[in-house]
Amino acid sequence: MFEIKLQETRLYREAKEEGLKQALEEGREQAKLELIPRFLAYGISIEEVAQLLDLTIEQVEQVRLANEQESSTSTQ
């Protein structure tokens, strides 16, 4: 009688849109985290990096420390 495909339902479209928004936001956050070592390598201070990328100083510091550890283990 009524043949409605899943893709045609409002719930499906809303869930898909929300999933796309979430994926986009996660991608933005990942890009910010990947920029931190580059900014620091150019001599930009931790405070300035945090301000430029709209992150906390703690987030920048965590990435910096993880990057340093990664660098030191790869050179050994």
PDB file of N, CA and C in Angstrom:
ATOM      1  N   MET A   1       0.823  -1.178   0.000  1.00  0.00           N
ATOM      2  CA  MET A   1       0.000   0.000   0.000  1.00  0.00           C
ATOM      3  C   MET A   1       0.874   1.251   0.000  1.00  0.00           C
ATOM      4  N   PHE A   2       1.552   1.525   1.118  1.00  0.00           N
ATOM      5  CA  PHE A   2       2.473   2.651   1.180  1.00  0.00           C
ATOM      6  C   PHE A   2       3.878   2.112   1.080  1.00  0.00           C
ATOM      7  N   GLU A   3       4.564   2.498   0.057  1.00  0.00           N
ATOM      8  CA  GLU A   3       5.954   2.084  -0.081  1.00  0.00           C
ATOM      9  C   GLU A   3       6.834   3.296   0.165  1.00  0.00           C
ATOM     10  N   ILE A   4       7.415   3.326   1.354  1.00  0.00           N
ATOM     11  CA  ILE A   4       8.298   4.422   1.721  1.00  0.00           C
ATOM     12  C   ILE A   4       9.682   3.831   1.930  1.00  0.00           C
ATOM     13  N   LYS A   5      10.630   4.393   1.238  1.00  0.00           N
ATOM     14  CA  LYS A   5      12.007   3.946   1.405  1.00  0.00           C
ATOM     15  C   LYS A   5      12.602   4.651   2.614  1.00  0.00           C
ATOM     16  N   LEU A   6      13.523   3.958   3.265  1.00  0.00           N
ATOM     17  CA  LEU A   6      14.162   4.515   4.450  1.00  0.00           C
ATOM     18  C   LEU A   6      14.763   5.882   4.162  1.00  0.00           C
ATOM     19  N   GLN A   7      15.414   6.029   3.020  1.00  0.00           N
ATOM     20  CA  GLN A   7      16.076   7.280   2.667  1.00  0.00           C
ATOM     21  C   GLN A   7      15.094   8.436   2.498  1.00  0.00           C
ATOM     22  N   GLU A   8      13.829   8.135   2.343  1.00  0.00           N
ATOM     23  CA  GLU A   8      12.829   9.169   2.138  1.00  0.00           C
ATOM     24  C   GLU A   8      12.225   9.674   3.441  1.00  0.00           C
ATOM     25  N   THR A   9      12.529   9.033   4.541  1.00  0.00           N
ATOM     26  CA  THR A   9      11.918   9.432   5.800  1.00  0.00           C
ATOM     27  C   THR A   9      12.630  10.644   6.392  1.00  0.00           C
ATOM     28  N   ARG A  10      11.874  11.441   7.098  1.00  0.00           N
ATOM     29  CA  ARG A  10      12.419  12.632   7.744  1.00  0.00           C
ATOM     30  C   ARG A  10      13.462  12.247   8.783  1.00  0.00           C
ATOM     31  N   LEU A  11      13.195  11.201   9.546  1.00  0.00           N
ATOM     32  CA  LEU A  11      14.120  10.758  10.569  1.00  0.00           C
ATOM     33  C   LEU A  11      15.472  10.371   9.968  1.00  0.00           C
ATOM     34  N   TYR A  12      15.449   9.675   8.852  1.00  0.00           N
ATOM     35  CA  TYR A  12      16.687   9.275   8.179  1.00  0.00           C
ATOM     36  C   TYR A  12      17.463  10.508   7.718  1.00  0.00           C
ATOM     37  N   ARG A  13      16.769  11.453   7.089  1.00  0.00           N
ATOM     38  CA  ARG A  13      17.438  12.658   6.590  1.00  0.00           C
ATOM     39  C   ARG A  13      18.042  13.473   7.728  1.00  0.00           C
ATOM     40  N   GLU A  14      17.310  13.588   8.837  1.00  0.00           N
ATOM     41  CA  GLU A  14      17.822  14.335   9.981  1.00  0.00           C
ATOM     42  C   GLU A  14      19.034  13.643  10.598  1.00  0.00           C
ATOM     43  N   ALA A  15      18.978  12.340  10.715  1.00  0.00           N
ATOM     44  CA  ALA A  15      20.103  11.583  11.276  1.00  0.00           C
ATOM     45  C   ALA A  15      21.329  11.702  10.373  1.00  0.00           C
ATOM     46  N   LYS A  16      21.110  11.638   9.070  1.00  0.00           N
ATOM     47  CA  LYS A  16      22.217  11.761   8.124  1.00  0.00           C
ATOM     48  C   LYS A  16      22.840  13.149   8.217  1.00  0.00           C
ATOM     49  N   GLU A  17      22.009  14.173   8.285  1.00  0.00           N
ATOM     50  CA  GLU A  17      22.504  15.547   8.386  1.00  0.00           C
ATOM     51  C   GLU A  17      23.283  15.738   9.687  1.00  0.00           C
ATOM     52  N   GLU A  18      22.769  15.215  10.774  1.00  0.00           N
ATOM     53  CA  GLU A  18      23.461  15.329  12.061  1.00  0.00           C
ATOM     54  C   GLU A  18      24.798  14.591  12.019  1.00  0.00           C
ATOM     55  N   GLY A  19      24.825  13.437  11.390  1.00  0.00           N
ATOM     56  CA  GLY A  19      26.071  12.688  11.250  1.00  0.00           C
ATOM     57  C   GLY A  19      27.097  13.448  10.427  1.00  0.00           C
ATOM     58  N   LEU A  20      26.657  14.081   9.373  1.00  0.00           N
ATOM     59  CA  LEU A  20      27.562  14.881   8.546  1.00  0.00           C
ATOM     60  C   LEU A  20      28.108  16.076   9.319  1.00  0.00           C
ATOM     61  N   LYS A  21      27.242  16.724  10.102  1.00  0.00           N
ATOM     62  CA  LYS A  21      27.687  17.861  10.912  1.00  0.00           C
ATOM     63  C   LYS A  21      28.728  17.419  11.932  1.00  0.00           C
ATOM     64  N   GLN A  22      28.467  16.282  12.561  1.00  0.00           N
ATOM     65  CA  GLN A  22      29.398  15.777  13.572  1.00  0.00           C
ATOM     66  C   GLN A  22      30.734  15.403  12.933  1.00  0.00           C
ATOM     67  N   ALA A  23      30.705  14.760  11.789  1.00  0.00           N
ATOM     68  CA  ALA A  23      31.936  14.389  11.093  1.00  0.00           C
ATOM     69  C   ALA A  23      32.725  15.631  10.689  1.00  0.00           C
ATOM     70  N   LEU A  24      32.040  16.655  10.240  1.00  0.00           N
ATOM     71  CA  LEU A  24      32.692  17.903   9.850  1.00  0.00           C
ATOM     72  C   LEU A  24      33.363  18.551  11.059  1.00  0.00           C
ATOM     73  N   GLU A  25      32.661  18.583  12.178  1.00  0.00           N
ATOM     74  CA  GLU A  25      33.225  19.174  13.397  1.00  0.00           C
ATOM     75  C   GLU A  25      34.443  18.388  13.872  1.00  0.00           C
ATOM     76  N   GLU A  26      34.373  17.068  13.815  1.00  0.00           N
ATOM     77  CA  GLU A  26      35.511  16.243  14.208  1.00  0.00           C
ATOM     78  C   GLU A  26      36.703  16.481  13.280  1.00  0.00           C
ATOM     79  N   GLY A  27      36.432  16.662  12.012  1.00  0.00           N
ATOM     80  CA  GLY A  27      37.490  16.957  11.052  1.00  0.00           C
ATOM     81  C   GLY A  27      38.154  18.294  11.333  1.00  0.00           C
ATOM     82  N   ARG A  28      37.361  19.276  11.715  1.00  0.00           N
ATOM     83  CA  ARG A  28      37.911  20.593  12.060  1.00  0.00           C
ATOM     84  C   ARG A  28      38.811  20.494  13.288  1.00  0.00           C
ATOM     85  N   GLU A  29      38.351  19.770  14.292  1.00  0.00           N
ATOM     86  CA  GLU A  29      39.144  19.616  15.508  1.00  0.00           C
ATOM     87  C   GLU A  29      40.458  18.891  15.206  1.00  0.00           C
ATOM     88  N   GLN A  30      40.395  17.866  14.385  1.00  0.00           N
ATOM     89  CA  GLN A  30      41.599  17.121  14.023  1.00  0.00           C
ATOM     90  C   GLN A  30      42.579  18.019  13.270  1.00  0.00           C
ATOM     91  N   ALA A  31      42.066  18.853  12.383  1.00  0.00           N
ATOM     92  CA  ALA A  31      42.926  19.772  11.635  1.00  0.00           C
ATOM     93  C   ALA A  31      43.618  20.755  12.575  1.00  0.00           C
ATOM     94  N   LYS A  32      42.888  21.255  13.565  1.00  0.00           N
ATOM     95  CA  LYS A  32      43.492  22.158  14.541  1.00  0.00           C
ATOM     96  C   LYS A  32      44.646  21.469  15.265  1.00  0.00           C
ATOM     97  N   LEU A  33      44.409  20.229  15.704  1.00  0.00           N
ATOM     98  CA  LEU A  33      45.432  19.501  16.445  1.00  0.00           C
ATOM     99  C   LEU A  33      46.661  19.230  15.585  1.00  0.00           C
ATOM    100  N   GLU A  34      46.454  19.009  14.301  1.00  0.00           N
ATOM    101  CA  GLU A  34      47.574  18.761  13.394  1.00  0.00           C
ATOM    102  C   GLU A  34      48.367  20.041  13.096  1.00  0.00           C
ATOM    103  N   LEU A  35      47.745  21.200  13.258  1.00  0.00           N
ATOM    104  CA  LEU A  35      48.434  22.465  13.015  1.00  0.00           C
ATOM    105  C   LEU A  35      49.329  22.872  14.182  1.00  0.00           C
ATOM    106  N   ILE A  36      49.055  22.387  15.366  1.00  0.00           N
ATOM    107  CA  ILE A  36      49.803  22.817  16.549  1.00  0.00           C
ATOM    108  C   ILE A  36      51.305  22.643  16.381  1.00  0.00           C
ATOM    109  N   PRO A  37      51.808  21.443  16.037  1.00  0.00           N
ATOM    110  CA  PRO A  37      53.274  21.310  15.903  1.00  0.00           C
ATOM    111  C   PRO A  37      53.873  22.248  14.854  1.00  0.00           C
ATOM    112  N   ARG A  38      53.158  22.500  13.793  1.00  0.00           N
ATOM    113  CA  ARG A  38      53.654  23.403  12.754  1.00  0.00           C
ATOM    114  C   ARG A  38      53.773  24.828  13.278  1.00  0.00           C
ATOM    115  N   PHE A  39      52.752  25.284  13.968  1.00  0.00           N
ATOM    116  CA  PHE A  39      52.794  26.632  14.534  1.00  0.00           C
ATOM    117  C   PHE A  39      53.930  26.760  15.530  1.00  0.00           C
ATOM    118  N   LEU A  40      54.083  25.765  16.392  1.00  0.00           N
ATOM    119  CA  LEU A  40      55.143  25.811  17.391  1.00  0.00           C
ATOM    120  C   LEU A  40      56.520  25.794  16.732  1.00  0.00           C
ATOM    121  N   ALA A  41      56.653  25.049  15.630  1.00  0.00           N
ATOM    122  CA  ALA A  41      57.924  24.985  14.916  1.00  0.00           C
ATOM    123  C   ALA A  41      58.295  26.347  14.324  1.00  0.00           C
ATOM    124  N   TYR A  42      57.312  27.170  14.038  1.00  0.00           N
ATOM    125  CA  TYR A  42      57.567  28.516  13.532  1.00  0.00           C
ATOM    126  C   TYR A  42      57.851  29.513  14.644  1.00  0.00           C
ATOM    127  N   GLY A  43      57.864  29.020  15.876  1.00  0.00           N
ATOM    128  CA  GLY A  43      58.193  29.883  17.003  1.00  0.00           C
ATOM    129  C   GLY A  43      57.019  30.615  17.612  1.00  0.00           C
ATOM    130  N   ILE A  44      55.831  30.247  17.236  1.00  0.00           N
ATOM    131  CA  ILE A  44      54.645  30.868  17.834  1.00  0.00           C
ATOM    132  C   ILE A  44      54.473  30.285  19.233  1.00  0.00           C
ATOM    133  N   SER A  45      54.185  31.124  20.205  1.00  0.00           N
ATOM    134  CA  SER A  45      54.073  30.674  21.591  1.00  0.00           C
ATOM    135  C   SER A  45      52.838  29.790  21.789  1.00  0.00           C
ATOM    136  N   ILE A  46      52.877  29.002  22.838  1.00  0.00           N
ATOM    137  CA  ILE A  46      51.747  28.124  23.166  1.00  0.00           C
ATOM    138  C   ILE A  46      50.479  28.948  23.367  1.00  0.00           C
ATOM    139  N   GLU A  47      50.610  30.059  24.039  1.00  0.00           N
ATOM    140  CA  GLU A  47      49.449  30.918  24.291  1.00  0.00           C
ATOM    141  C   GLU A  47      48.861  31.456  22.987  1.00  0.00           C
ATOM    142  N   GLU A  48      49.744  31.870  22.074  1.00  0.00           N
ATOM    143  CA  GLU A  48      49.263  32.392  20.791  1.00  0.00           C
ATOM    144  C   GLU A  48      48.622  31.294  19.949  1.00  0.00           C
ATOM    145  N   VAL A  49      49.209  30.106  19.968  1.00  0.00           N
ATOM    146  CA  VAL A  49      48.628  28.985  19.224  1.00  0.00           C
ATOM    147  C   VAL A  49      47.231  28.683  19.748  1.00  0.00           C
ATOM    148  N   ALA A  50      47.105  28.646  21.064  1.00  0.00           N
ATOM    149  CA  ALA A  50      45.796  28.379  21.671  1.00  0.00           C
ATOM    150  C   ALA A  50      44.777  29.428  21.239  1.00  0.00           C
ATOM    151  N   GLN A  51      45.198  30.674  21.252  1.00  0.00           N
ATOM    152  CA  GLN A  51      44.290  31.755  20.863  1.00  0.00           C
ATOM    153  C   GLN A  51      43.931  31.679  19.373  1.00  0.00           C
ATOM    154  N   LEU A  52      44.920  31.442  18.530  1.00  0.00           N
ATOM    155  CA  LEU A  52      44.676  31.375  17.091  1.00  0.00           C
ATOM    156  C   LEU A  52      43.734  30.235  16.702  1.00  0.00           C
ATOM    157  N   LEU A  53      43.892  29.091  17.379  1.00  0.00           N
ATOM    158  CA  LEU A  53      43.103  27.913  17.024  1.00  0.00           C
ATOM    159  C   LEU A  53      41.864  27.735  17.904  1.00  0.00           C
ATOM    160  N   ASP A  54      41.629  28.682  18.792  1.00  0.00           N
ATOM    161  CA  ASP A  54      40.474  28.622  19.695  1.00  0.00           C
ATOM    162  C   ASP A  54      40.502  27.326  20.523  1.00  0.00           C
ATOM    163  N   LEU A  55      41.669  27.064  21.113  1.00  0.00           N
ATOM    164  CA  LEU A  55      41.869  25.904  21.975  1.00  0.00           C
ATOM    165  C   LEU A  55      42.341  26.401  23.333  1.00  0.00           C
ATOM    166  N   THR A  56      42.365  25.486  24.301  1.00  0.00           N
ATOM    167  CA  THR A  56      42.915  25.848  25.595  1.00  0.00           C
ATOM    168  C   THR A  56      44.426  25.648  25.566  1.00  0.00           C
ATOM    169  N   ILE A  57      45.105  26.324  26.466  1.00  0.00           N
ATOM    170  CA  ILE A  57      46.547  26.156  26.580  1.00  0.00           C
ATOM    171  C   ILE A  57      46.869  24.699  26.920  1.00  0.00           C
ATOM    172  N   GLU A  58      46.030  24.077  27.727  1.00  0.00           N
ATOM    173  CA  GLU A  58      46.238  22.679  28.098  1.00  0.00           C
ATOM    174  C   GLU A  58      46.175  21.761  26.877  1.00  0.00           C
ATOM    175  N   GLN A  59      45.244  22.016  25.972  1.00  0.00           N
ATOM    176  CA  GLN A  59      45.147  21.202  24.760  1.00  0.00           C
ATOM    177  C   GLN A  59      46.403  21.332  23.914  1.00  0.00           C
ATOM    178  N   VAL A  60      46.889  22.544  23.773  1.00  0.00           N
ATOM    179  CA  VAL A  60      48.094  22.783  22.984  1.00  0.00           C
ATOM    180  C   VAL A  60      49.283  22.095  23.652  1.00  0.00           C
ATOM    181  N   GLU A  61      49.377  22.222  24.952  1.00  0.00           N
ATOM    182  CA  GLU A  61      50.479  21.612  25.693  1.00  0.00           C
ATOM    183  C   GLU A  61      50.451  20.081  25.567  1.00  0.00           C
ATOM    184  N   GLN A  62      49.281  19.496  25.635  1.00  0.00           N
ATOM    185  CA  GLN A  62      49.156  18.037  25.489  1.00  0.00           C
ATOM    186  C   GLN A  62      49.664  17.576  24.123  1.00  0.00           C
ATOM    187  N   VAL A  63      49.282  18.282  23.090  1.00  0.00           N
ATOM    188  CA  VAL A  63      49.717  17.915  21.742  1.00  0.00           C
ATOM    189  C   VAL A  63      51.221  18.112  21.609  1.00  0.00           C
ATOM    190  N   ARG A  64      51.730  19.196  22.170  1.00  0.00           N
ATOM    191  CA  ARG A  64      53.170  19.464  22.114  1.00  0.00           C
ATOM    192  C   ARG A  64      53.946  18.335  22.792  1.00  0.00           C
ATOM    193  N   LEU A  65      53.502  17.924  23.975  1.00  0.00           N
ATOM    194  CA  LEU A  65      54.190  16.857  24.696  1.00  0.00           C
ATOM    195  C   LEU A  65      54.104  15.528  23.941  1.00  0.00           C
ATOM    196  N   ALA A  66      52.943  15.228  23.403  1.00  0.00           N
ATOM    197  CA  ALA A  66      52.775  13.984  22.648  1.00  0.00           C
ATOM    198  C   ALA A  66      53.661  13.991  21.411  1.00  0.00           C
ATOM    199  N   ASN A  67      53.759  15.133  20.759  1.00  0.00           N
ATOM    200  CA  ASN A  67      54.588  15.257  19.570  1.00  0.00           C
ATOM    201  C   ASN A  67      56.070  15.093  19.915  1.00  0.00           C
ATOM    202  N   GLU A  68      56.479  15.663  21.038  1.00  0.00           N
ATOM    203  CA  GLU A  68      57.870  15.515  21.486  1.00  0.00           C
ATOM    204  C   GLU A  68      58.201  14.062  21.804  1.00  0.00           C
ATOM    205  N   GLN A  69      57.275  13.383  22.481  1.00  0.00           N
ATOM    206  CA  GLN A  69      57.492  11.971  22.799  1.00  0.00           C
ATOM    207  C   GLN A  69      57.565  11.129  21.539  1.00  0.00           C
ATOM    208  N   GLU A  70      56.694  11.425  20.600  1.00  0.00           N
ATOM    209  CA  GLU A  70      56.677  10.698  19.334  1.00  0.00           C
ATOM    210  C   GLU A  70      57.974  10.913  18.571  1.00  0.00           C
ATOM    211  N   SER A  71      58.459  12.143  18.592  1.00  0.00           N
ATOM    212  CA  SER A  71      59.706  12.466  17.896  1.00  0.00           C
ATOM    213  C   SER A  71      60.903  11.771  18.549  1.00  0.00           C
ATOM    214  N   SER A  72      60.922  11.738  19.864  1.00  0.00           N
ATOM    215  CA  SER A  72      62.053  11.144  20.554  1.00  0.00           C
ATOM    216  C   SER A  72      62.086   9.618  20.395  1.00  0.00           C
ATOM    217  N   THR A  73      60.923   8.982  20.319  1.00  0.00           N
ATOM    218  CA  THR A  73      60.899   7.525  20.139  1.00  0.00           C
ATOM    219  C   THR A  73      61.203   7.140  18.682  1.00  0.00           C
ATOM    220  N   SER A  74      60.904   8.003  17.741  1.00  0.00           N
ATOM    221  CA  SER A  74      61.165   7.666  16.335  1.00  0.00           C
ATOM    222  C   SER A  74      62.623   7.873  15.966  1.00  0.00           C
ATOM    223  N   THR A  75      63.354   8.660  16.750  1.00  0.00           N
ATOM    224  CA  THR A  75      64.764   8.904  16.447  1.00  0.00           C
ATOM    225  C   THR A  75      65.684   7.922  17.162  1.00  0.00           C
ATOM    226  N   GLN A  76      65.126   7.100  18.010  1.00  0.00           N
ATOM    227  CA  GLN A  76      65.964   6.139  18.752  1.00  0.00           C
ATOM    228  C   GLN A  76      66.095   4.838  18.025  1.00  0.00           C
TER     229      GLN A  76
END
